[in-house]
């Protein structure tokens, strides 16, 4: 029941372990076929959350993943505070 987050190629490891079957997820585009082959519902968003699972495409989406983790644990107000502090312009 704990939150699991994976970015870039790491979601493919979760897929190979059978943890993404039937779940929405994303990864680096070069590894999305691995997710699909193991039953994941591959999405194209920068960050995809399915219950306690959060996946992201890669280094270019790391800030978005971090903000979603902040949202999950601390809420929307904390996200806005972090955005302001890191001068996020996305």
N, C-alpha and C. Protein backbone atom coordinates (compact mmCIF):
# COMPACT_ATOMS: atom_id res chain seq x y z
N UNK A 1 0.79 -1.21 0.00
CA UNK A 1 0.00 0.00 0.00
C UNK A 1 0.83 1.26 0.00
N UNK A 2 2.14 1.17 0.05
CA UNK A 2 2.99 2.36 0.05
C UNK A 2 3.12 2.91 -1.36
N UNK A 3 3.40 4.21 -1.44
CA UNK A 3 3.63 4.86 -2.73
C UNK A 3 4.92 4.33 -3.35
N UNK A 4 4.85 4.04 -4.63
CA UNK A 4 6.02 3.62 -5.40
C UNK A 4 6.13 4.58 -6.57
N UNK A 5 7.33 5.14 -6.74
CA UNK A 5 7.57 6.05 -7.87
C UNK A 5 8.75 5.53 -8.67
N UNK A 6 8.63 5.62 -9.99
CA UNK A 6 9.69 5.16 -10.88
C UNK A 6 9.76 6.09 -12.08
N UNK A 7 10.97 6.35 -12.55
CA UNK A 7 11.17 7.30 -13.64
C UNK A 7 12.12 6.72 -14.69
N UNK A 8 11.97 7.16 -15.90
CA UNK A 8 12.82 6.79 -17.05
C UNK A 8 12.64 5.31 -17.39
N UNK A 9 13.69 4.51 -17.30
CA UNK A 9 13.60 3.09 -17.62
C UNK A 9 13.10 2.25 -16.45
N UNK A 10 13.15 2.81 -15.23
CA UNK A 10 12.78 2.05 -14.02
C UNK A 10 11.38 1.44 -14.07
N UNK A 11 10.38 2.10 -14.67
CA UNK A 11 9.07 1.44 -14.74
C UNK A 11 9.11 0.10 -15.48
N UNK A 12 10.07 -0.07 -16.38
CA UNK A 12 10.15 -1.35 -17.09
C UNK A 12 10.52 -2.48 -16.14
N UNK A 13 11.29 -2.18 -15.09
CA UNK A 13 11.62 -3.19 -14.09
C UNK A 13 10.37 -3.58 -13.32
N UNK A 14 9.57 -2.57 -12.95
CA UNK A 14 8.30 -2.86 -12.27
C UNK A 14 7.41 -3.72 -13.15
N UNK A 15 7.40 -3.42 -14.45
CA UNK A 15 6.59 -4.19 -15.39
C UNK A 15 7.06 -5.65 -15.44
N UNK A 16 8.37 -5.83 -15.54
CA UNK A 16 8.91 -7.19 -15.60
C UNK A 16 8.62 -7.98 -14.33
N UNK A 17 8.46 -7.29 -13.21
CA UNK A 17 8.11 -7.94 -11.95
C UNK A 17 6.61 -8.20 -11.83
N UNK A 18 5.83 -7.78 -12.84
CA UNK A 18 4.39 -8.00 -12.84
C UNK A 18 3.61 -6.98 -12.04
N UNK A 19 4.25 -5.89 -11.63
CA UNK A 19 3.59 -4.90 -10.78
C UNK A 19 2.77 -3.87 -11.55
N UNK A 20 2.87 -3.86 -12.89
CA UNK A 20 2.13 -2.88 -13.68
C UNK A 20 0.96 -3.48 -14.45
N UNK A 21 0.76 -4.76 -14.33
CA UNK A 21 -0.31 -5.42 -15.10
C UNK A 21 -1.66 -4.77 -14.79
N UNK A 22 -2.31 -4.29 -15.85
CA UNK A 22 -3.62 -3.66 -15.73
C UNK A 22 -3.60 -2.26 -15.17
N UNK A 23 -2.42 -1.69 -14.98
CA UNK A 23 -2.31 -0.36 -14.38
C UNK A 23 -1.80 0.65 -15.39
N UNK A 24 -2.24 1.89 -15.24
CA UNK A 24 -1.78 2.99 -16.09
C UNK A 24 -0.37 3.36 -15.67
N UNK A 25 0.51 3.54 -16.65
CA UNK A 25 1.90 3.88 -16.36
C UNK A 25 2.55 4.48 -17.59
N UNK A 26 3.69 5.11 -17.37
CA UNK A 26 4.51 5.62 -18.46
C UNK A 26 5.97 5.33 -18.16
N UNK A 27 6.82 5.58 -19.13
CA UNK A 27 8.26 5.41 -18.96
C UNK A 27 8.95 6.14 -20.10
N UNK A 28 10.25 6.07 -20.12
CA UNK A 28 10.99 6.56 -21.27
C UNK A 28 10.41 5.87 -22.51
N UNK A 29 10.18 6.62 -23.58
CA UNK A 29 9.56 6.01 -24.77
C UNK A 29 10.27 4.75 -25.29
N UNK A 30 11.58 4.66 -25.08
CA UNK A 30 12.32 3.49 -25.54
C UNK A 30 12.00 2.22 -24.74
N UNK A 31 11.30 2.37 -23.62
CA UNK A 31 10.97 1.23 -22.77
C UNK A 31 9.47 0.98 -22.67
N UNK A 32 8.67 1.78 -23.34
CA UNK A 32 7.22 1.63 -23.23
C UNK A 32 6.73 0.29 -23.76
N UNK A 33 7.44 -0.29 -24.73
CA UNK A 33 7.04 -1.60 -25.23
C UNK A 33 7.14 -2.67 -24.14
N UNK A 34 8.09 -2.52 -23.23
CA UNK A 34 8.22 -3.48 -22.13
C UNK A 34 7.00 -3.39 -21.22
N UNK A 35 6.56 -2.16 -20.93
CA UNK A 35 5.37 -1.98 -20.11
C UNK A 35 4.17 -2.65 -20.78
N UNK A 36 3.99 -2.38 -22.08
CA UNK A 36 2.86 -2.94 -22.82
C UNK A 36 2.92 -4.47 -22.86
N UNK A 37 4.10 -5.01 -23.06
CA UNK A 37 4.27 -6.47 -23.13
C UNK A 37 3.92 -7.16 -21.81
N UNK A 38 3.98 -6.41 -20.73
CA UNK A 38 3.68 -6.97 -19.41
C UNK A 38 2.34 -6.48 -18.87
N UNK A 39 1.47 -6.00 -19.77
CA UNK A 39 0.09 -5.72 -19.40
C UNK A 39 -0.21 -4.35 -18.84
N UNK A 40 0.74 -3.43 -18.89
CA UNK A 40 0.47 -2.07 -18.41
C UNK A 40 -0.38 -1.33 -19.43
N UNK A 41 -1.16 -0.38 -18.96
CA UNK A 41 -1.91 0.53 -19.83
C UNK A 41 -1.02 1.75 -20.04
N UNK A 42 -0.25 1.73 -21.12
CA UNK A 42 0.75 2.77 -21.37
C UNK A 42 0.08 4.10 -21.69
N UNK A 43 0.49 5.13 -20.96
CA UNK A 43 -0.01 6.48 -21.15
C UNK A 43 1.14 7.37 -21.61
N UNK A 44 0.81 8.50 -22.21
CA UNK A 44 1.85 9.39 -22.73
C UNK A 44 2.10 10.63 -21.87
N UNK A 45 1.45 10.75 -20.74
CA UNK A 45 1.66 11.90 -19.88
C UNK A 45 3.06 11.94 -19.32
N UNK A 46 3.50 13.12 -18.89
CA UNK A 46 4.82 13.27 -18.27
C UNK A 46 4.89 12.48 -16.97
N UNK A 47 3.80 12.52 -16.22
CA UNK A 47 3.68 11.77 -14.97
C UNK A 47 2.32 11.08 -14.97
N UNK A 48 2.30 9.81 -14.65
CA UNK A 48 1.06 9.04 -14.60
C UNK A 48 0.92 8.43 -13.21
N UNK A 49 -0.21 8.69 -12.57
CA UNK A 49 -0.47 8.14 -11.25
C UNK A 49 -1.64 7.17 -11.34
N UNK A 50 -1.45 5.99 -10.79
CA UNK A 50 -2.50 4.98 -10.71
C UNK A 50 -2.48 4.43 -9.29
N UNK A 51 -3.35 4.96 -8.45
CA UNK A 51 -3.37 4.55 -7.05
C UNK A 51 -2.07 4.92 -6.37
N UNK A 52 -1.39 3.91 -5.83
CA UNK A 52 -0.14 4.15 -5.13
C UNK A 52 1.09 4.05 -6.04
N UNK A 53 0.86 4.06 -7.34
CA UNK A 53 1.95 3.94 -8.32
C UNK A 53 2.07 5.23 -9.11
N UNK A 54 3.28 5.79 -9.14
CA UNK A 54 3.53 7.01 -9.90
C UNK A 54 4.73 6.75 -10.81
N UNK A 55 4.54 6.98 -12.11
CA UNK A 55 5.62 6.78 -13.07
C UNK A 55 5.82 8.05 -13.88
N UNK A 56 7.02 8.20 -14.42
CA UNK A 56 7.36 9.40 -15.18
C UNK A 56 8.33 9.04 -16.29
N UNK A 57 8.37 9.88 -17.33
CA UNK A 57 9.10 9.55 -18.56
C UNK A 57 10.62 9.64 -18.46
N UNK A 58 11.17 10.61 -17.73
CA UNK A 58 12.62 10.71 -17.70
C UNK A 58 13.12 11.99 -17.06
N UNK A 59 14.39 12.27 -17.22
CA UNK A 59 15.02 13.43 -16.59
C UNK A 59 14.26 14.72 -16.87
N UNK A 60 13.77 14.89 -18.07
CA UNK A 60 13.04 16.10 -18.43
C UNK A 60 11.70 16.24 -17.72
N UNK A 61 11.23 15.18 -17.08
CA UNK A 61 9.95 15.23 -16.35
C UNK A 61 10.16 15.07 -14.85
N UNK A 62 11.40 15.15 -14.40
CA UNK A 62 11.71 14.92 -12.99
C UNK A 62 11.06 15.96 -12.07
N UNK A 63 11.03 17.22 -12.50
CA UNK A 63 10.40 18.24 -11.66
C UNK A 63 8.92 17.95 -11.51
N UNK A 64 8.25 17.59 -12.61
CA UNK A 64 6.83 17.27 -12.54
C UNK A 64 6.58 16.08 -11.61
N UNK A 65 7.45 15.08 -11.68
CA UNK A 65 7.32 13.93 -10.79
C UNK A 65 7.49 14.37 -9.34
N UNK A 66 8.49 15.17 -9.08
CA UNK A 66 8.71 15.66 -7.72
C UNK A 66 7.52 16.43 -7.19
N UNK A 67 6.94 17.28 -8.04
CA UNK A 67 5.78 18.06 -7.61
C UNK A 67 4.58 17.17 -7.33
N UNK A 68 4.40 16.12 -8.12
CA UNK A 68 3.30 15.20 -7.86
C UNK A 68 3.51 14.42 -6.57
N UNK A 69 4.77 14.10 -6.27
CA UNK A 69 5.05 13.44 -4.99
C UNK A 69 4.75 14.38 -3.82
N UNK A 70 5.13 15.65 -3.96
CA UNK A 70 4.80 16.64 -2.93
C UNK A 70 3.29 16.72 -2.77
N UNK A 71 2.56 16.77 -3.90
CA UNK A 71 1.10 16.84 -3.85
C UNK A 71 0.53 15.63 -3.10
N UNK A 72 1.03 14.46 -3.42
CA UNK A 72 0.53 13.24 -2.79
C UNK A 72 0.70 13.27 -1.27
N UNK A 73 1.88 13.67 -0.81
CA UNK A 73 2.18 13.61 0.61
C UNK A 73 1.78 14.86 1.39
N UNK A 74 1.81 16.04 0.73
CA UNK A 74 1.62 17.29 1.47
C UNK A 74 0.48 18.17 0.96
N UNK A 75 -0.05 17.87 -0.24
CA UNK A 75 -1.20 18.62 -0.74
C UNK A 75 -0.86 19.76 -1.69
N UNK A 76 -1.92 20.35 -2.24
CA UNK A 76 -1.79 21.38 -3.27
C UNK A 76 -1.08 22.64 -2.79
N UNK A 77 -1.35 23.05 -1.55
CA UNK A 77 -0.71 24.28 -1.04
C UNK A 77 0.81 24.10 -0.99
N UNK A 78 1.26 22.93 -0.60
CA UNK A 78 2.70 22.67 -0.56
C UNK A 78 3.30 22.69 -1.96
N UNK A 79 2.55 22.19 -2.94
CA UNK A 79 3.03 22.22 -4.32
C UNK A 79 3.24 23.66 -4.77
N UNK A 80 2.28 24.52 -4.49
CA UNK A 80 2.39 25.92 -4.89
C UNK A 80 3.57 26.59 -4.19
N UNK A 81 3.80 26.25 -2.94
CA UNK A 81 4.93 26.80 -2.19
C UNK A 81 6.25 26.35 -2.82
N UNK A 82 6.36 25.08 -3.14
CA UNK A 82 7.57 24.55 -3.77
C UNK A 82 7.79 25.19 -5.13
N UNK A 83 6.75 25.29 -5.93
CA UNK A 83 6.86 25.91 -7.24
C UNK A 83 7.44 27.31 -7.14
N UNK A 84 6.93 28.07 -6.20
CA UNK A 84 7.41 29.43 -6.02
C UNK A 84 8.88 29.43 -5.60
N UNK A 85 9.24 28.56 -4.71
CA UNK A 85 10.62 28.51 -4.18
C UNK A 85 11.63 28.04 -5.22
N UNK A 86 11.20 27.18 -6.14
CA UNK A 86 12.15 26.70 -7.16
C UNK A 86 12.02 27.48 -8.46
N UNK A 87 11.17 28.49 -8.46
CA UNK A 87 10.92 29.35 -9.64
C UNK A 87 10.47 28.48 -10.82
N UNK A 88 9.54 27.59 -10.53
CA UNK A 88 8.98 26.70 -11.57
C UNK A 88 8.08 27.48 -12.48
N UNK A 89 8.27 27.33 -13.78
CA UNK A 89 7.49 28.11 -14.75
C UNK A 89 6.69 27.23 -15.69
N UNK A 90 6.51 25.96 -15.35
CA UNK A 90 5.78 25.04 -16.21
C UNK A 90 4.30 25.15 -16.08
